[in-house]
PDB file of N, CA and C in Angstrom:
ATOM      1  N   UNK A   1     -46.909 -58.756 -46.196  1.00  0.00           N
ATOM      2  CA  UNK A   1     -47.309 -58.846 -44.899  1.00  0.00           C
ATOM      3  C   UNK A   1     -46.144 -59.400 -44.054  1.00  0.00           C
ATOM      4  N   UNK A   2     -46.000 -58.814 -42.928  1.00  0.00           N
ATOM      5  CA  UNK A   2     -45.045 -59.359 -42.103  1.00  0.00           C
ATOM      6  C   UNK A   2     -45.579 -60.452 -40.919  1.00  0.00           C
ATOM      7  N   UNK A   3     -45.359 -61.763 -40.803  1.00  0.00           N
ATOM      8  CA  UNK A   3     -45.771 -62.737 -40.108  1.00  0.00           C
ATOM      9  C   UNK A   3     -44.906 -63.027 -38.895  1.00  0.00           C
ATOM     10  N   UNK A   4     -45.680 -62.317 -37.987  1.00  0.00           N
ATOM     11  CA  UNK A   4     -45.014 -62.198 -36.468  1.00  0.00           C
ATOM     12  C   UNK A   4     -45.323 -63.476 -35.722  1.00  0.00           C
ATOM     13  N   UNK A   5     -44.714 -64.001 -34.801  1.00  0.00           N
ATOM     14  CA  UNK A   5     -44.872 -65.073 -34.103  1.00  0.00           C
ATOM     15  C   UNK A   5     -44.553 -64.919 -32.602  1.00  0.00           C
ATOM     16  N   UNK A   6     -45.195 -65.345 -31.600  1.00  0.00           N
ATOM     17  CA  UNK A   6     -44.733 -65.216 -30.210  1.00  0.00           C
ATOM     18  C   UNK A   6     -43.631 -66.346 -29.752  1.00  0.00           C
ATOM     19  N   UNK A   7     -42.483 -65.579 -29.307  1.00  0.00           N
ATOM     20  CA  UNK A   7     -41.492 -66.649 -28.726  1.00  0.00           C
ATOM     21  C   UNK A   7     -42.260 -67.659 -27.929  1.00  0.00           C
ATOM     22  N   UNK A   8     -41.433 -68.797 -27.894  1.00  0.00           N
ATOM     23  CA  UNK A   8     -42.329 -69.909 -27.085  1.00  0.00           C
ATOM     24  C   UNK A   8     -41.555 -69.682 -25.725  1.00  0.00           C
ATOM     25  N   UNK A   9     -40.770 -68.634 -25.410  1.00  0.00           N
ATOM     26  CA  UNK A   9     -39.951 -68.432 -23.996  1.00  0.00           C
ATOM     27  C   UNK A   9     -41.020 -67.141 -23.570  1.00  0.00           C
ATOM     28  N   UNK A  10     -41.550 -66.894 -24.138  1.00  0.00           N
ATOM     29  CA  UNK A  10     -42.603 -65.436 -23.663  1.00  0.00           C
ATOM     30  C   UNK A  10     -43.419 -66.156 -22.554  1.00  0.00           C
ATOM     31  N   UNK A  11     -43.404 -65.332 -21.392  1.00  0.00           N
ATOM     32  CA  UNK A  11     -44.188 -65.510 -20.334  1.00  0.00           C
ATOM     33  C   UNK A  11     -45.776 -64.755 -20.263  1.00  0.00           C
ATOM     34  N   UNK A  12     -46.886 -65.519 -19.984  1.00  0.00           N
ATOM     35  CA  UNK A  12     -47.973 -65.044 -19.968  1.00  0.00           C
ATOM     36  C   UNK A  12     -48.493 -64.526 -18.488  1.00  0.00           C
ATOM     37  N   UNK A  13     -47.726 -65.129 -17.596  1.00  0.00           N
ATOM     38  CA  UNK A  13     -47.693 -64.904 -16.020  1.00  0.00           C
ATOM     39  C   UNK A  13     -46.469 -64.889 -15.803  1.00  0.00           C
ATOM     40  N   UNK A  14     -46.376 -64.097 -14.337  1.00  0.00           N
ATOM     41  CA  UNK A  14     -44.996 -64.162 -13.810  1.00  0.00           C
ATOM     42  C   UNK A  14     -44.146 -63.219 -14.613  1.00  0.00           C
ATOM     43  N   UNK A  15     -43.288 -62.591 -14.333  1.00  0.00           N
ATOM     44  CA  UNK A  15     -42.705 -61.649 -15.328  1.00  0.00           C
ATOM     45  C   UNK A  15     -43.314 -60.376 -15.783  1.00  0.00           C
ATOM     46  N   UNK A  16     -44.682 -60.201 -15.314  1.00  0.00           N
ATOM     47  CA  UNK A  16     -45.286 -59.218 -15.882  1.00  0.00           C
ATOM     48  C   UNK A  16     -45.991 -59.396 -17.349  1.00  0.00           C
ATOM     49  N   UNK A  17     -46.013 -60.648 -17.940  1.00  0.00           N
ATOM     50  CA  UNK A  17     -46.488 -60.999 -19.309  1.00  0.00           C
ATOM     51  C   UNK A  17     -45.822 -60.224 -20.373  1.00  0.00           C
ATOM     52  N   UNK A  18     -44.424 -60.565 -19.996  1.00  0.00           N
ATOM     53  CA  UNK A  18     -43.538 -60.291 -21.213  1.00  0.00           C
ATOM     54  C   UNK A  18     -43.640 -61.016 -22.345  1.00  0.00           C
ATOM     55  N   UNK A  19     -43.916 -60.259 -23.330  1.00  0.00           N
ATOM     56  CA  UNK A  19     -44.065 -61.417 -24.617  1.00  0.00           C
ATOM     57  C   UNK A  19     -43.357 -60.814 -25.663  1.00  0.00           C
ATOM     58  N   UNK A  20     -42.623 -61.457 -26.393  1.00  0.00           N
ATOM     59  CA  UNK A  20     -41.726 -61.439 -27.595  1.00  0.00           C
ATOM     60  C   UNK A  20     -42.265 -61.645 -28.667  1.00  0.00           C
ATOM     61  N   UNK A  21     -42.237 -61.162 -29.695  1.00  0.00           N
ATOM     62  CA  UNK A  21     -42.889 -61.770 -30.886  1.00  0.00           C
ATOM     63  C   UNK A  21     -41.541 -61.541 -32.067  1.00  0.00           C
ATOM     64  N   UNK A  22     -41.427 -62.543 -32.924  1.00  0.00           N
ATOM     65  CA  UNK A  22     -40.094 -62.667 -33.868  1.00  0.00           C
ATOM     66  C   UNK A  22     -40.869 -62.543 -35.226  1.00  0.00           C
ATOM     67  N   UNK A  23     -40.154 -62.266 -36.278  1.00  0.00           N
ATOM     68  CA  UNK A  23     -40.601 -62.673 -37.642  1.00  0.00           C
ATOM     69  C   UNK A  23     -39.528 -62.443 -38.658  1.00  0.00           C
ATOM     70  N   UNK A  24     -39.474 -63.432 -39.453  1.00  0.00           N
ATOM     71  CA  UNK A  24     -38.579 -63.442 -40.632  1.00  0.00           C
ATOM     72  C   UNK A  24     -38.498 -62.078 -41.550  1.00  0.00           C
ATOM     73  N   UNK A  25     -37.581 -61.419 -41.534  1.00  0.00           N
ATOM     74  CA  UNK A  25     -37.416 -60.142 -42.465  1.00  0.00           C
ATOM     75  C   UNK A  25     -36.586 -60.246 -43.486  1.00  0.00           C
ATOM     76  N   UNK A  26     -36.300 -61.723 -43.782  1.00  0.00           N
ATOM     77  CA  UNK A  26     -35.237 -61.840 -44.782  1.00  0.00           C
ATOM     78  C   UNK A  26     -33.783 -62.045 -44.677  1.00  0.00           C
ATOM     79  N   UNK A  27     -33.060 -61.101 -44.773  1.00  0.00           N
ATOM     80  CA  UNK A  27     -31.554 -61.016 -43.815  1.00  0.00           C
ATOM     81  C   UNK A  27     -31.508 -60.710 -42.593  1.00  0.00           C
ATOM     82  N   UNK A  28     -32.667 -60.418 -41.824  1.00  0.00           N
ATOM     83  CA  UNK A  28     -32.386 -60.020 -40.635  1.00  0.00           C
ATOM     84  C   UNK A  28     -33.933 -60.570 -39.994  1.00  0.00           C
ATOM     85  N   UNK A  29     -33.760 -60.604 -38.456  1.00  0.00           N
ATOM     86  CA  UNK A  29     -35.025 -60.895 -37.871  1.00  0.00           C
ATOM     87  C   UNK A  29     -35.658 -59.968 -37.042  1.00  0.00           C
ATOM     88  N   UNK A  30     -36.766 -59.786 -37.278  1.00  0.00           N
ATOM     89  CA  UNK A  30     -37.809 -58.797 -36.572  1.00  0.00           C
ATOM     90  C   UNK A  30     -38.061 -58.872 -34.939  1.00  0.00           C
ATOM     91  N   UNK A  31     -37.913 -58.299 -33.934  1.00  0.00           N
ATOM     92  CA  UNK A  31     -38.127 -58.582 -32.677  1.00  0.00           C
ATOM     93  C   UNK A  31     -38.952 -57.172 -31.980  1.00  0.00           C
ATOM     94  N   UNK A  32     -40.143 -57.622 -31.519  1.00  0.00           N
ATOM     95  CA  UNK A  32     -40.785 -56.419 -31.143  1.00  0.00           C
ATOM     96  C   UNK A  32     -41.721 -56.791 -30.049  1.00  0.00           C
ATOM     97  N   UNK A  33     -42.243 -56.146 -28.990  1.00  0.00           N
ATOM     98  CA  UNK A  33     -43.066 -56.022 -27.893  1.00  0.00           C
ATOM     99  C   UNK A  33     -44.763 -56.611 -28.373  1.00  0.00           C
ATOM    100  N   UNK A  34     -45.070 -57.627 -27.960  1.00  0.00           N
ATOM    101  CA  UNK A  34     -46.588 -57.943 -28.304  1.00  0.00           C
ATOM    102  C   UNK A  34     -47.337 -57.088 -27.664  1.00  0.00           C
ATOM    103  N   UNK A  35     -47.134 -56.617 -26.694  1.00  0.00           N
ATOM    104  CA  UNK A  35     -48.105 -55.667 -25.865  1.00  0.00           C
ATOM    105  C   UNK A  35     -48.309 -54.440 -26.522  1.00  0.00           C
ATOM    106  N   UNK A  36     -47.195 -53.950 -27.231  1.00  0.00           N
ATOM    107  CA  UNK A  36     -47.097 -52.434 -28.009  1.00  0.00           C
ATOM    108  C   UNK A  36     -46.271 -52.849 -29.364  1.00  0.00           C
ATOM    109  N   UNK A  37     -47.021 -53.437 -30.363  1.00  0.00           N
ATOM    110  CA  UNK A  37     -46.690 -53.550 -31.322  1.00  0.00           C
ATOM    111  C   UNK A  37     -46.647 -52.545 -32.265  1.00  0.00           C
ATOM    112  N   UNK A  38     -47.043 -51.461 -32.206  1.00  0.00           N
ATOM    113  CA  UNK A  38     -47.252 -49.887 -33.000  1.00  0.00           C
ATOM    114  C   UNK A  38     -45.788 -49.262 -32.546  1.00  0.00           C
ATOM    115  N   UNK A  39     -45.235 -49.777 -31.614  1.00  0.00           N
ATOM    116  CA  UNK A  39     -43.780 -48.812 -31.123  1.00  0.00           C
ATOM    117  C   UNK A  39     -42.551 -49.259 -32.065  1.00  0.00           C
ATOM    118  N   UNK A  40     -42.865 -50.379 -32.849  1.00  0.00           N
ATOM    119  CA  UNK A  40     -41.789 -50.490 -33.954  1.00  0.00           C
ATOM    120  C   UNK A  40     -41.275 -51.938 -33.656  1.00  0.00           C
ATOM    121  N   UNK A  41     -40.108 -52.212 -34.232  1.00  0.00           N
ATOM    122  CA  UNK A  41     -39.255 -53.259 -33.919  1.00  0.00           C
ATOM    123  C   UNK A  41     -37.833 -53.343 -34.141  1.00  0.00           C
ATOM    124  N   UNK A  42     -36.908 -54.007 -33.547  1.00  0.00           N
ATOM    125  CA  UNK A  42     -35.671 -54.317 -33.792  1.00  0.00           C
ATOM    126  C   UNK A  42     -35.471 -55.273 -35.008  1.00  0.00           C
ATOM    127  N   UNK A  43     -34.409 -54.790 -35.812  1.00  0.00           N
ATOM    128  CA  UNK A  43     -34.067 -55.576 -36.826  1.00  0.00           C
ATOM    129  C   UNK A  43     -32.785 -56.229 -36.886  1.00  0.00           C
ATOM    130  N   UNK A  44     -32.480 -57.297 -36.219  1.00  0.00           N
ATOM    131  CA  UNK A  44     -31.404 -58.080 -35.709  1.00  0.00           C
ATOM    132  C   UNK A  44     -30.873 -59.314 -37.072  1.00  0.00           C
ATOM    133  N   UNK A  45     -29.276 -59.345 -37.054  1.00  0.00           N
ATOM    134  CA  UNK A  45     -28.974 -60.385 -37.679  1.00  0.00           C
ATOM    135  C   UNK A  45     -29.293 -61.616 -37.097  1.00  0.00           C
ATOM    136  N   UNK A  46     -29.165 -62.862 -37.457  1.00  0.00           N
ATOM    137  CA  UNK A  46     -29.411 -63.921 -36.824  1.00  0.00           C
ATOM    138  C   UNK A  46     -28.359 -63.861 -35.683  1.00  0.00           C
ATOM    139  N   UNK A  47     -26.974 -63.611 -35.984  1.00  0.00           N
ATOM    140  CA  UNK A  47     -26.037 -63.498 -35.040  1.00  0.00           C
ATOM    141  C   UNK A  47     -26.175 -62.689 -34.060  1.00  0.00           C
ATOM    142  N   UNK A  48     -26.732 -61.384 -34.228  1.00  0.00           N
ATOM    143  CA  UNK A  48     -27.129 -60.396 -33.216  1.00  0.00           C
ATOM    144  C   UNK A  48     -27.822 -60.913 -32.265  1.00  0.00           C
ATOM    145  N   UNK A  49     -28.982 -61.761 -32.877  1.00  0.00           N
ATOM    146  CA  UNK A  49     -30.159 -62.224 -32.218  1.00  0.00           C
ATOM    147  C   UNK A  49     -29.445 -63.310 -30.988  1.00  0.00           C
ATOM    148  N   UNK A  50     -28.554 -64.455 -31.719  1.00  0.00           N
ATOM    149  CA  UNK A  50     -28.116 -65.249 -30.919  1.00  0.00           C
ATOM    150  C   UNK A  50     -27.467 -64.818 -29.356  1.00  0.00           C
ATOM    151  N   UNK A  51     -26.521 -63.656 -29.794  1.00  0.00           N
ATOM    152  CA  UNK A  51     -25.796 -63.224 -29.052  1.00  0.00           C
ATOM    153  C   UNK A  51     -26.879 -62.673 -28.032  1.00  0.00           C
ATOM    154  N   UNK A  52     -27.692 -61.680 -28.319  1.00  0.00           N
ATOM    155  CA  UNK A  52     -28.589 -61.076 -27.380  1.00  0.00           C
ATOM    156  C   UNK A  52     -29.535 -62.364 -26.383  1.00  0.00           C
ATOM    157  N   UNK A  53     -29.671 -63.194 -27.158  1.00  0.00           N
ATOM    158  CA  UNK A  53     -30.284 -63.962 -26.102  1.00  0.00           C
ATOM    159  C   UNK A  53     -29.324 -64.957 -25.234  1.00  0.00           C
ATOM    160  N   UNK A  54     -28.010 -65.336 -25.570  1.00  0.00           N
ATOM    161  CA  UNK A  54     -27.356 -65.391 -24.573  1.00  0.00           C
ATOM    162  C   UNK A  54     -27.113 -64.544 -23.215  1.00  0.00           C
ATOM    163  N   UNK A  55     -26.706 -63.314 -23.610  1.00  0.00           N
ATOM    164  CA  UNK A  55     -26.472 -62.142 -22.912  1.00  0.00           C
ATOM    165  C   UNK A  55     -27.638 -62.298 -21.747  1.00  0.00           C
ATOM    166  N   UNK A  56     -28.921 -62.375 -22.347  1.00  0.00           N
ATOM    167  CA  UNK A  56     -30.042 -62.276 -21.350  1.00  0.00           C
ATOM    168  C   UNK A  56     -30.169 -63.808 -20.554  1.00  0.00           C
ATOM    169  N   UNK A  57     -29.861 -64.849 -21.324  1.00  0.00           N
ATOM    170  CA  UNK A  57     -30.116 -66.034 -20.698  1.00  0.00           C
ATOM    171  C   UNK A  57     -28.833 -66.112 -19.324  1.00  0.00           C
ATOM    172  N   UNK A  58     -27.583 -65.579 -19.606  1.00  0.00           N
ATOM    173  CA  UNK A  58     -26.516 -65.656 -18.894  1.00  0.00           C
ATOM    174  C   UNK A  58     -26.779 -64.682 -17.524  1.00  0.00           C
ATOM    175  N   UNK A  59     -27.594 -63.453 -17.536  1.00  0.00           N
ATOM    176  CA  UNK A  59     -27.906 -62.517 -17.030  1.00  0.00           C
ATOM    177  C   UNK A  59     -28.867 -62.725 -15.783  1.00  0.00           C
ATOM    178  N   UNK A  60     -29.805 -63.999 -16.305  1.00  0.00           N
ATOM    179  CA  UNK A  60     -30.902 -64.526 -15.620  1.00  0.00           C
ATOM    180  C   UNK A  60     -30.156 -65.472 -14.230  1.00  0.00           C
ATOM    181  N   UNK A  61     -29.204 -65.808 -14.636  1.00  0.00           N
ATOM    182  CA  UNK A  61     -28.687 -66.929 -13.754  1.00  0.00           C
ATOM    183  C   UNK A  61     -28.068 -66.213 -12.311  1.00  0.00           C
TER     184      UNK A  61
END
């Protein structure tokens, strides 16, 4: 069974309740929308996840 956990950066209020969950999938990290977990998930390498987080962080400034 995959152990999903909510990101500490997810927002319950403001931002429309955007919630992201992460899971260690071995060689990759799973990323999914906690409001719609049956829609599937992205499997990203840790490097790609770090790059995605940087893009999001810098686009919010």
